[in-house]
Amino acid sequence: MSRAFVKESDQDGAESLPERSISSHPNLVTAEGPKMLDTQIRELEAAREAARAAADNAMLARIERDLRYWRQRRATARVVLPPAKKDRVRFGLRVTLRLDDGSEMKFRLVGEDEADPAKGLISYTSPIGETLMSQAVGDDVELMGRRATIVAID
């Protein structure tokens, strides 16, 4: 193949990567959120140095893209402290649900970048988060095709 048809990025190993999508929702975070964002940025900066040292242009392109995302998220992060009054499900609060089979689930509503469902951290913009928002103890909700009752908010 003629060199005229080879992209420069093919020559140095760098990929043409699309930017990471930025949510249109407000970038709300809990009090722990800024620290998590700062840690993510520091880890990527260290990885960037390693990629530079290894001359790994493809990895460097991915890291630079991710750094742009996380720096933008850090710059727009808005800390929201949990409300003192816990009569309704709100951002930053933990909600305990009793499912129709008697089992219980607990979720804490957090920012999009803080979400980790395996740890019970659910984004306030997720379908579950949106369903729970503004509900009160005793309210029945439908989650994942199951009926649940809110039994505690803390």
Protein backbone atom coordinates (compact mmCIF):
# COMPACT_ATOMS: atom_id res chain seq x y z
CA MET A 1 0.00 0.00 0.00
CA SER A 2 1.23 3.48 -0.78
CA ARG A 3 2.31 5.57 2.22
CA ALA A 4 -0.07 8.24 0.89
CA PHE A 5 -3.00 6.19 2.21
CA VAL A 6 -1.67 5.63 5.72
CA LYS A 7 -2.88 7.97 8.43
CA GLU A 8 -0.26 9.51 10.67
CA SER A 9 -1.96 7.91 13.67
CA ASP A 10 -1.41 4.49 12.05
CA GLN A 11 2.30 5.23 11.95
CA ASP A 12 2.73 6.12 15.63
CA GLY A 13 0.19 3.74 17.18
CA ALA A 14 -2.15 6.48 18.40
CA GLU A 15 -5.85 5.88 17.95
CA SER A 16 -8.49 8.35 16.91
CA LEU A 17 -10.69 8.19 19.98
CA PRO A 18 -14.04 9.86 20.45
CA GLU A 19 -14.33 12.07 23.51
CA ARG A 20 -16.05 10.60 26.56
CA SER A 21 -19.65 11.70 26.77
CA ILE A 22 -20.42 14.36 29.38
CA SER A 23 -23.81 14.06 31.05
CA SER A 24 -26.33 16.83 30.60
CA HIS A 25 -27.37 16.49 34.26
CA PRO A 26 -25.91 18.77 36.93
CA ASN A 27 -22.61 17.30 38.18
CA LEU A 28 -23.69 16.75 41.78
CA VAL A 29 -21.27 14.96 44.11
CA THR A 30 -21.31 13.95 47.76
CA ALA A 31 -18.74 15.37 50.18
CA GLU A 32 -16.47 12.45 49.20
CA GLY A 33 -16.80 13.19 45.48
CA PRO A 34 -14.03 15.78 45.00
CA LYS A 35 -11.48 13.50 46.67
CA MET A 36 -12.52 10.61 44.39
CA LEU A 37 -12.21 12.85 41.33
CA ASP A 38 -8.79 14.13 42.44
CA THR A 39 -7.58 10.56 42.97
CA GLN A 40 -8.77 9.56 39.51
CA ILE A 41 -6.87 12.50 37.98
CA ARG A 42 -3.66 11.73 39.92
CA GLU A 43 -3.77 8.08 38.86
CA LEU A 44 -4.24 9.04 35.22
CA GLU A 45 -1.39 11.58 35.41
CA ALA A 46 0.91 8.84 36.74
CA ALA A 47 -0.25 6.46 34.02
CA ARG A 48 0.38 9.17 31.43
CA GLU A 49 4.01 9.46 32.56
CA ALA A 50 4.42 5.69 32.29
CA ALA A 51 2.88 5.69 28.80
CA ARG A 52 5.20 8.50 27.73
CA ALA A 53 8.23 6.66 29.09
CA ALA A 54 7.17 3.52 27.22
CA ALA A 55 6.41 5.54 24.07
CA ASP A 56 2.97 3.88 24.02
CA ASN A 57 1.10 6.38 21.88
CA ALA A 58 -2.16 4.43 21.80
CA MET A 59 -2.25 4.26 25.60
CA LEU A 60 -1.24 7.91 25.84
CA ALA A 61 -4.15 8.92 23.59
CA ARG A 62 -6.63 7.02 25.81
CA ILE A 63 -5.18 8.51 28.98
CA GLU A 64 -5.23 12.07 27.59
CA ARG A 65 -8.88 11.62 26.58
CA ASP A 66 -9.76 10.31 30.05
CA LEU A 67 -7.85 13.15 31.73
CA ARG A 68 -9.89 15.69 29.74
CA TYR A 69 -13.08 14.01 30.94
CA TRP A 70 -12.11 13.79 34.62
CA ARG A 71 -10.70 17.33 34.74
CA GLN A 72 -13.91 18.66 33.27
CA ARG A 73 -15.95 16.66 35.78
CA ARG A 74 -13.78 17.99 38.64
CA ALA A 75 -14.15 21.57 37.42
CA THR A 76 -17.95 21.30 37.31
CA ALA A 77 -18.46 19.20 40.46
CA ARG A 78 -20.99 20.69 42.85
CA VAL A 79 -20.89 19.27 46.38
CA VAL A 80 -24.33 18.64 47.84
CA LEU A 81 -24.49 17.81 51.53
CA PRO A 82 -27.25 15.49 52.74
CA PRO A 83 -30.25 17.35 54.13
CA ALA A 84 -30.72 17.48 57.90
CA LYS A 85 -34.37 16.57 57.51
CA LYS A 86 -34.59 13.00 56.27
CA ASP A 87 -38.31 12.70 55.63
CA ARG A 88 -37.88 12.17 51.88
CA VAL A 89 -35.29 10.40 49.73
CA ARG A 90 -32.79 13.02 48.59
CA PHE A 91 -29.31 13.17 47.09
CA GLY A 92 -26.67 11.77 49.45
CA LEU A 93 -29.08 9.80 51.63
CA ARG A 94 -29.28 6.04 52.05
CA VAL A 95 -32.64 4.36 51.56
CA THR A 96 -33.60 0.91 52.82
CA LEU A 97 -36.20 -0.99 50.83
CA ARG A 98 -38.13 -4.12 51.78
CA LEU A 99 -38.93 -6.17 48.71
CA ASP A 100 -42.13 -8.14 48.27
CA ASP A 101 -40.29 -11.36 49.26
CA GLY A 102 -39.22 -9.82 52.61
CA SER A 103 -35.58 -9.23 51.67
CA GLU A 104 -34.03 -5.80 52.06
CA MET A 105 -31.86 -3.65 49.81
CA LYS A 106 -30.00 -0.47 50.66
CA PHE A 107 -28.97 2.24 48.22
CA ARG A 108 -27.27 5.59 48.66
CA LEU A 109 -28.01 8.19 46.00
CA VAL A 110 -24.75 9.71 44.76
CA GLY A 111 -23.33 11.55 41.76
CA GLU A 112 -22.96 9.87 38.39
CA ASP A 113 -19.18 9.43 38.68
CA GLU A 114 -19.45 8.10 42.25
CA ALA A 115 -21.93 5.36 41.38
CA ASP A 116 -20.89 1.80 42.18
CA PRO A 117 -23.94 -0.48 42.30
CA ALA A 118 -21.94 -3.36 43.80
CA LYS A 119 -21.34 -1.11 46.83
CA GLY A 120 -24.94 0.13 46.96
CA LEU A 121 -24.03 3.52 45.46
CA ILE A 122 -26.63 4.45 42.85
CA SER A 123 -26.56 7.52 40.63
CA TYR A 124 -29.35 9.96 41.32
CA THR A 125 -29.90 10.05 37.52
CA SER A 126 -30.31 6.28 37.16
CA PRO A 127 -33.79 4.79 36.74
CA ILE A 128 -33.64 3.51 40.34
CA GLY A 129 -32.42 6.88 41.62
CA GLU A 130 -35.13 8.75 39.77
CA THR A 131 -37.79 6.34 41.08
CA LEU A 132 -36.65 6.75 44.68
CA MET A 133 -36.11 10.52 44.66
CA SER A 134 -38.65 12.40 46.82
CA GLN A 135 -40.30 9.22 48.12
CA ALA A 136 -41.00 8.86 51.87
CA VAL A 137 -40.90 6.04 54.41
CA GLY A 138 -43.91 3.79 53.81
CA ASP A 139 -44.14 4.60 50.10
CA ASP A 140 -44.35 1.69 47.69
CA VAL A 141 -42.23 1.77 44.54
CA GLU A 142 -41.59 -0.58 41.67
CA LEU A 143 -37.94 -1.41 41.03
CA MET A 144 -36.66 -3.85 38.46
CA GLY A 145 -40.15 -5.29 38.05
CA ARG A 146 -40.60 -5.87 41.79
CA ARG A 147 -42.63 -4.09 44.41
CA ALA A 148 -40.73 -2.58 47.31
CA THR A 149 -41.58 -0.46 50.33
CA ILE A 150 -39.29 2.24 51.68
CA VAL A 151 -38.64 1.32 55.33
CA ALA A 152 -35.86 3.78 56.26
CA ILE A 153 -34.09 6.90 55.06
CA ASP A 154 -30.80 7.92 56.66
